[in-house]
């Protein structure tokens, strides 16, 4: 029970504090604005103070511009680097494609040469078989002629 009462007291205190803050808020904001206005006026009227602030702001602005330019420059360099890498990659791929085409042409040429060699070999084999057949035919005729001569001599 005591814990609940303490919790209730704390919650009520927080609520009252918040209400007071909300009531005071517009006045506090106005006081802060007025304080800033006074400070700015004092800074501007003090000899050299306003000028120093202006110089510092200018220096800060220049520094920020330099940083922005450095960032843009780095970004440009990075983009150029990426483009260069992409260009190199494209060139390498193109060179590889050319090498592949050249290899394909060489293979096709070699295959055509092999086919030509096979045809030539088959032609030679055919000619050799034909020559062998003709020799065999001539031997057969020669043997036939001798046999006929032998028969002719045997008859007479």
Protein backbone atom coordinates (compact mmCIF):
# COMPACT_ATOMS: atom_id res chain seq x y z
CA UNK A 1 0.00 0.00 0.00
CA UNK A 2 2.79 2.40 0.93
CA UNK A 3 4.57 1.61 -2.38
CA UNK A 4 1.41 2.46 -4.29
CA UNK A 5 1.04 5.72 -2.37
CA UNK A 6 4.66 6.63 -3.07
CA UNK A 7 4.21 5.79 -6.77
CA UNK A 8 1.06 7.94 -6.85
CA UNK A 9 2.91 10.87 -5.19
CA UNK A 10 5.76 10.62 -7.67
CA UNK A 11 3.38 10.50 -10.64
CA UNK A 12 1.46 13.53 -9.30
CA UNK A 13 4.73 15.45 -8.79
CA UNK A 14 5.80 14.65 -12.34
CA UNK A 15 2.40 15.75 -13.64
CA UNK A 16 2.49 19.06 -11.75
CA UNK A 17 6.04 19.74 -12.87
CA UNK A 18 5.03 19.09 -16.51
CA UNK A 19 2.01 21.40 -16.20
CA UNK A 20 4.23 24.15 -14.80
CA UNK A 21 6.72 23.69 -17.66
CA UNK A 22 3.92 23.91 -20.21
CA UNK A 23 2.57 27.10 -18.59
CA UNK A 24 6.04 28.68 -18.51
CA UNK A 25 7.11 27.49 -21.97
CA UNK A 26 5.99 30.44 -24.17
CA UNK A 27 7.59 32.93 -21.77
CA UNK A 28 10.86 30.96 -21.62
CA UNK A 29 11.04 30.76 -25.42
CA UNK A 30 10.46 34.51 -25.65
CA UNK A 31 13.17 35.10 -23.01
CA UNK A 32 15.63 32.92 -24.94
CA UNK A 33 14.90 34.77 -28.19
CA UNK A 34 15.34 38.12 -26.45
CA UNK A 35 18.63 36.94 -24.92
CA UNK A 36 19.92 35.87 -28.33
CA UNK A 37 18.86 39.18 -29.85
CA UNK A 38 20.71 41.11 -27.10
CA UNK A 39 23.85 39.00 -27.56
CA UNK A 40 23.80 39.52 -31.33
CA UNK A 41 23.35 43.26 -30.87
CA UNK A 42 26.22 43.38 -28.36
CA UNK A 43 28.45 41.35 -30.69
CA UNK A 44 27.67 43.64 -33.59
CA UNK A 45 28.32 46.82 -31.58
CA UNK A 46 31.55 45.70 -29.88
CA UNK A 47 34.55 46.91 -31.84
CA UNK A 48 36.00 44.04 -33.93
CA UNK A 49 33.77 41.37 -32.42
CA UNK A 50 31.21 41.30 -35.22
CA UNK A 51 34.00 41.39 -37.76
CA UNK A 52 35.73 38.45 -36.08
CA UNK A 53 32.49 36.43 -36.16
CA UNK A 54 32.07 37.28 -39.82
CA UNK A 55 35.65 36.25 -40.58
CA UNK A 56 35.21 33.00 -38.66
CA UNK A 57 31.95 32.29 -40.49
CA UNK A 58 33.66 33.03 -43.81
CA UNK A 59 36.59 30.81 -42.87
CA UNK A 60 34.18 28.04 -41.85
CA UNK A 61 32.21 28.46 -45.10
CA UNK A 62 35.41 28.28 -47.17
CA UNK A 63 36.54 25.21 -45.27
CA UNK A 64 33.18 23.52 -45.88
CA UNK A 65 33.37 24.43 -49.59
CA UNK A 66 36.89 22.93 -49.77
CA UNK A 67 35.67 19.76 -48.06
CA UNK A 68 32.70 19.56 -50.44
CA UNK A 69 35.03 20.03 -53.41
CA UNK A 70 37.37 17.36 -52.04
CA UNK A 71 34.38 15.00 -51.63
CA UNK A 72 33.22 15.73 -55.19
CA UNK A 73 36.76 15.24 -56.49
CA UNK A 74 37.08 11.91 -54.66
CA UNK A 75 33.70 10.88 -56.01
CA UNK A 76 34.76 11.85 -59.55
CA UNK A 77 38.00 9.89 -59.19
CA UNK A 78 36.11 6.86 -57.88
CA UNK A 79 33.67 7.09 -60.81
CA UNK A 80 36.54 7.43 -63.28
CA UNK A 81 38.24 4.43 -61.68
CA UNK A 82 35.05 2.38 -62.00
CA UNK A 83 34.67 3.43 -65.65
CA UNK A 84 38.31 2.54 -66.34
CA UNK A 85 37.84 -0.87 -64.72
CA UNK A 86 34.67 -1.44 -66.75
CA UNK A 87 36.50 -0.40 -69.94
CA UNK A 88 39.42 -2.74 -69.17
CA UNK A 89 37.03 -5.58 -68.42
CA UNK A 90 35.18 -4.97 -71.70
CA UNK A 91 38.51 -4.92 -73.59
CA UNK A 92 39.59 -8.16 -71.91
CA UNK A 93 36.27 -9.80 -72.76
CA UNK A 94 36.55 -8.59 -76.36
CA UNK A 95 40.14 -9.88 -76.61
CA UNK A 96 39.03 -13.23 -75.14
CA UNK A 97 36.19 -13.39 -77.68
CA UNK A 98 38.67 -12.69 -80.50
CA UNK A 99 41.02 -15.39 -79.16
CA UNK A 100 38.09 -17.80 -78.96
CA UNK A 101 37.04 -16.97 -82.53
CA UNK A 102 40.62 -17.46 -83.71
CA UNK A 103 40.80 -20.82 -81.93
CA UNK A 104 37.49 -21.82 -83.49
CA UNK A 105 38.80 -20.86 -86.94
CA UNK A 106 42.01 -22.80 -86.32
CA UNK A 107 40.03 -25.85 -85.18
CA UNK A 108 37.75 -25.60 -88.23
CA UNK A 109 40.79 -25.25 -90.50
CA UNK A 110 42.49 -28.25 -88.85
CA UNK A 111 39.28 -30.28 -89.15
CA UNK A 112 38.99 -29.35 -92.84
CA UNK A 113 42.64 -30.34 -93.39
CA UNK A 114 42.06 -33.67 -91.64
CA UNK A 115 38.96 -34.30 -93.74
CA UNK A 116 40.95 -33.45 -96.89
CA UNK A 117 43.72 -35.81 -95.78
CA UNK A 118 41.16 -38.60 -95.13
CA UNK A 119 39.62 -38.05 -98.58
CA UNK A 120 43.07 -38.10 -100.17
CA UNK A 121 43.94 -41.28 -98.24
CA UNK A 122 40.67 -42.95 -99.33
CA UNK A 123 41.36 -41.89 -102.94
CA UNK A 124 44.88 -43.38 -102.79
CA UNK A 125 43.52 -46.56 -101.23
CA UNK A 126 40.88 -46.74 -103.97
CA UNK A 127 43.54 -46.19 -106.64
CA UNK A 128 45.74 -48.86 -105.04
CA UNK A 129 42.81 -51.31 -104.98
CA UNK A 130 42.01 -50.44 -108.60
CA UNK A 131 45.67 -50.94 -109.62
CA UNK A 132 45.75 -54.23 -107.70
CA UNK A 133 42.52 -55.32 -109.44
CA UNK A 134 43.97 -54.40 -112.83
CA UNK A 135 47.21 -56.32 -112.09
CA UNK A 136 45.13 -59.28 -110.95
CA UNK A 137 43.05 -59.01 -114.15
CA UNK A 138 46.23 -58.83 -116.26
CA UNK A 139 47.71 -61.86 -114.45
CA UNK A 140 44.47 -63.73 -114.99
CA UNK A 141 44.47 -62.86 -118.72
CA UNK A 142 48.14 -63.75 -118.98
CA UNK A 143 47.49 -67.07 -117.26
CA UNK A 144 44.49 -67.63 -119.56
CA UNK A 145 46.61 -66.82 -122.62
CA UNK A 146 49.38 -69.23 -121.48
CA UNK A 147 46.84 -71.92 -120.77
CA UNK A 148 45.36 -71.49 -124.24
CA UNK A 149 48.87 -71.58 -125.80
CA UNK A 150 49.64 -74.71 -123.79
CA UNK A 151 46.41 -76.32 -125.00
CA UNK A 152 47.23 -75.24 -128.56
CA UNK A 153 50.68 -76.84 -128.35
CA UNK A 154 49.22 -79.96 -126.79
CA UNK A 155 46.79 -80.24 -129.70
CA UNK A 156 49.46 -80.05 -132.32
